[in-house]
Protein backbone atom coordinates (compact mmCIF):
# COMPACT_ATOMS: atom_id res chain seq x y z
CA MET A 1 -171.58 47.86 -153.18
CA LEU A 2 -172.16 47.47 -156.91
CA ARG A 3 -175.68 48.94 -156.56
CA LEU A 4 -174.30 51.96 -154.73
CA LEU A 5 -171.71 52.50 -157.43
CA LEU A 6 -174.31 52.23 -160.20
CA LEU A 7 -176.63 54.60 -158.34
CA SER A 8 -173.86 57.19 -157.96
CA PHE A 9 -173.11 57.04 -161.70
CA CYS A 10 -176.79 57.60 -162.43
CA LEU A 11 -177.03 60.62 -160.12
CA VAL A 12 -173.94 62.47 -161.39
CA PRO A 13 -175.60 63.70 -164.63
CA PHE A 14 -178.54 65.05 -162.62
CA LEU A 15 -176.20 67.07 -160.38
CA PHE A 16 -174.50 68.61 -163.40
CA ALA A 17 -177.88 69.21 -165.06
CA GLU A 18 -179.09 71.14 -162.01
CA ASN A 19 -176.03 73.43 -162.08
CA SER A 20 -176.37 73.85 -165.83
CA LEU A 21 -180.07 74.69 -165.50
CA LEU A 22 -179.34 77.30 -162.82
CA LEU A 23 -176.52 78.85 -164.85
CA ASN A 24 -178.61 78.98 -168.03
CA THR A 25 -181.50 80.52 -166.11
CA GLN A 26 -179.21 83.19 -164.69
CA ILE A 27 -177.65 83.88 -168.09
CA ARG A 28 -181.13 84.59 -169.48
CA MET A 29 -182.42 86.60 -166.51
CA ILE A 30 -179.45 88.80 -165.49
CA PRO A 31 -179.73 91.14 -168.54
CA LYS A 32 -183.50 91.41 -168.06
CA ILE A 33 -183.07 92.38 -164.41
CA MET A 34 -180.33 94.84 -165.40
CA ALA A 35 -182.74 96.42 -167.89
CA LEU A 36 -185.27 96.98 -165.08
CA ASN A 37 -182.78 99.31 -163.38
CA THR A 38 -184.40 102.69 -163.98
CA ASP A 39 -181.14 104.59 -163.35
CA ILE A 40 -178.84 102.54 -165.55
CA LEU A 41 -178.54 105.04 -168.39
CA ARG A 42 -178.26 108.02 -166.05
CA LYS A 43 -175.54 106.41 -163.91
CA SER A 44 -173.56 105.01 -166.84
CA ILE A 45 -170.35 106.92 -167.50
CA SER A 46 -170.55 106.31 -171.24
CA SER A 47 -173.42 105.38 -173.50
CA ASP A 48 -172.17 101.78 -173.42
CA ILE A 49 -173.87 99.52 -170.89
CA ILE A 50 -171.49 96.78 -169.78
CA ILE A 51 -172.18 93.71 -167.67
CA GLY A 52 -168.98 92.53 -166.00
CA VAL A 53 -168.85 88.74 -165.65
CA ILE A 54 -166.41 87.80 -162.90
CA SER A 55 -164.97 84.45 -161.84
CA ASP A 56 -161.70 83.01 -160.57
CA ASN A 57 -161.55 81.26 -163.95
CA LYS A 58 -161.16 83.81 -166.79
CA GLY A 59 -162.05 81.12 -169.35
CA LEU A 60 -165.37 80.44 -167.62
CA SER A 61 -166.11 84.17 -167.40
CA SER A 62 -165.40 84.53 -171.12
CA GLU A 63 -167.64 81.58 -171.95
CA ILE A 64 -170.55 82.99 -169.92
CA ALA A 65 -170.09 86.52 -171.31
CA THR A 66 -170.13 85.06 -174.84
CA LYS A 67 -173.31 83.11 -174.08
CA ILE A 68 -175.02 86.26 -172.77
CA ASN A 69 -173.95 88.26 -175.84
CA ASN A 70 -175.00 85.51 -178.25
CA TYR A 71 -178.38 84.98 -176.60
CA TYR A 72 -179.33 88.67 -176.52
CA LYS A 73 -177.42 89.88 -179.59
CA GLY A 74 -176.38 92.97 -177.61
CA GLN A 75 -179.84 94.20 -176.73
CA VAL A 76 -182.59 93.59 -174.21
CA GLY A 77 -185.68 95.67 -174.95
CA ASN A 78 -184.42 99.08 -176.05
CA LEU A 79 -181.25 98.79 -173.96
CA LYS A 80 -178.05 97.98 -175.85
CA PHE A 81 -175.35 96.26 -173.82
CA THR A 82 -172.35 93.97 -173.92
CA ALA A 83 -171.16 91.40 -171.42
CA GLU A 84 -167.42 91.28 -170.77
CA ALA A 85 -165.32 88.81 -168.82
CA ILE A 86 -163.21 90.60 -166.24
CA THR A 87 -161.10 89.61 -163.27
CA THR A 88 -161.40 91.02 -159.78
CA ASN A 89 -158.15 92.90 -160.33
CA GLU A 90 -159.57 94.53 -163.47
CA LEU A 91 -162.63 95.57 -161.47
CA PHE A 92 -160.45 98.02 -159.53
CA ALA A 93 -159.58 99.96 -162.68
CA ARG A 94 -162.90 99.71 -164.51
CA ARG A 95 -165.17 102.70 -164.25
CA ASP A 96 -167.51 101.79 -167.10
CA LEU A 97 -169.35 98.80 -165.62
CA SER A 98 -173.10 99.11 -165.19
CA PHE A 99 -173.80 95.71 -163.67
CA VAL A 100 -171.75 92.82 -162.25
CA TYR A 101 -172.53 89.10 -162.39
CA LEU A 102 -170.27 87.13 -160.06
CA LEU A 103 -169.99 83.45 -160.88
CA ASP A 104 -169.12 80.79 -158.34
CA ALA A 105 -165.74 81.90 -156.96
CA SER A 106 -163.49 81.60 -153.95
CA GLN A 107 -164.59 83.29 -150.74
CA SER A 108 -161.85 85.94 -151.03
CA THR A 109 -162.90 86.79 -154.60
CA VAL A 110 -166.54 87.05 -153.55
CA VAL A 111 -165.79 89.30 -150.56
CA GLN A 112 -163.42 91.51 -152.58
CA THR A 113 -165.79 91.82 -155.55
CA ILE A 114 -168.83 92.62 -153.42
CA ALA A 115 -166.88 95.24 -151.45
CA LEU A 116 -165.80 96.92 -154.70
CA THR A 117 -169.27 96.87 -156.23
CA LYS A 118 -170.75 98.36 -153.07
CA GLU A 119 -168.06 101.06 -153.01
CA LYS A 120 -168.63 101.90 -156.70
CA LYS A 121 -172.42 101.50 -156.34
CA ILE A 122 -172.63 98.92 -159.12
CA PRO A 123 -175.53 96.47 -158.80
CA SER A 124 -174.18 92.95 -158.36
CA PHE A 125 -175.82 89.56 -158.71
CA VAL A 126 -174.14 86.39 -157.48
CA TYR A 127 -174.40 82.85 -158.82
CA ASN A 128 -174.40 81.31 -155.37
CA ILE A 129 -177.29 82.49 -153.15
CA THR A 130 -175.22 81.76 -150.03
CA ASP A 131 -173.03 84.74 -151.02
CA LEU A 132 -175.99 87.13 -150.88
CA PRO A 133 -175.67 88.02 -147.17
CA LEU A 134 -172.12 89.25 -147.87
CA GLY A 135 -173.65 92.34 -149.46
CA ALA A 136 -174.44 91.49 -153.08
CA LEU A 137 -177.67 92.98 -154.40
CA GLY A 138 -179.29 89.81 -155.64
CA SER A 139 -179.26 86.21 -156.72
CA ILE A 140 -181.44 83.89 -158.77
CA SER A 141 -182.21 80.39 -157.55
CA ILE A 142 -184.43 77.55 -158.63
CA GLU A 143 -186.79 76.01 -156.12
CA ARG A 144 -190.24 74.93 -157.27
CA SER A 145 -189.98 77.86 -159.62
CA THR A 146 -187.38 80.50 -160.35
CA VAL A 147 -186.84 82.82 -157.38
CA ILE A 148 -185.17 86.22 -157.50
CA THR A 149 -183.84 87.23 -154.09
CA LEU A 150 -182.79 90.80 -153.30
CA ASN A 151 -180.81 92.08 -150.34
CA LYS A 152 -182.93 94.93 -148.91
CA ASN A 153 -179.99 96.56 -147.08
CA THR A 154 -177.78 96.60 -150.19
CA LEU A 155 -180.65 98.04 -152.24
CA LYS A 156 -181.04 100.92 -149.76
CA LEU A 157 -177.30 101.58 -149.29
CA GLY A 158 -176.60 101.51 -153.03
CA ASN A 159 -179.58 103.74 -153.74
CA TYR A 160 -180.57 101.46 -156.62
CA HIS A 161 -183.92 101.99 -158.33
CA PHE A 162 -185.68 99.32 -160.34
CA ASN A 163 -189.01 99.13 -162.09
CA THR A 164 -191.70 98.35 -159.50
CA ALA A 165 -192.60 95.14 -161.35
CA LEU A 166 -189.34 93.62 -160.10
CA TYR A 167 -190.13 94.46 -156.48
CA GLN A 168 -193.41 92.57 -156.72
CA MET A 169 -191.67 89.37 -157.88
CA VAL A 170 -188.75 89.14 -155.46
CA ARG A 171 -188.05 87.47 -152.17
CA TRP A 172 -186.35 89.82 -149.71
CA ILE A 173 -183.55 89.22 -147.23
CA GLU A 174 -182.11 91.77 -144.81
């Protein structure tokens, strides 16, 4: 019993490290993937490119948006952007979002957010790859290496266009 308890205490940091590694990988890759969207400037309502970071926890969304902004200093390549923490309710009113990153959230938040992004034709990436079949555009996971997965149906329905280099790197689901 004591061995089992000691083993569980040793494994807990590794579980948190895996989630932290995935989150940090996504924080670094989401803006780069957004920048590969060839229509982003044309489809943007204003000249401001905004990544909406959504979660059930507004504090977590703010923390992740701050990390994205601090890491990229508001620019990836020639594309200037800002990441903003928003709630699902704010998503209804926002018309200026260019990209949405949905953190781990409740099933109702995921379904509602994905439905809104599909309706507004805003590319959306989800933290949890199991949410991808619900209609999000993509997700990033870590297996033996980093894997970008895109939903082929959502790509077609949303009429999204990305640089062809992205298409050569992704894993597709339908």
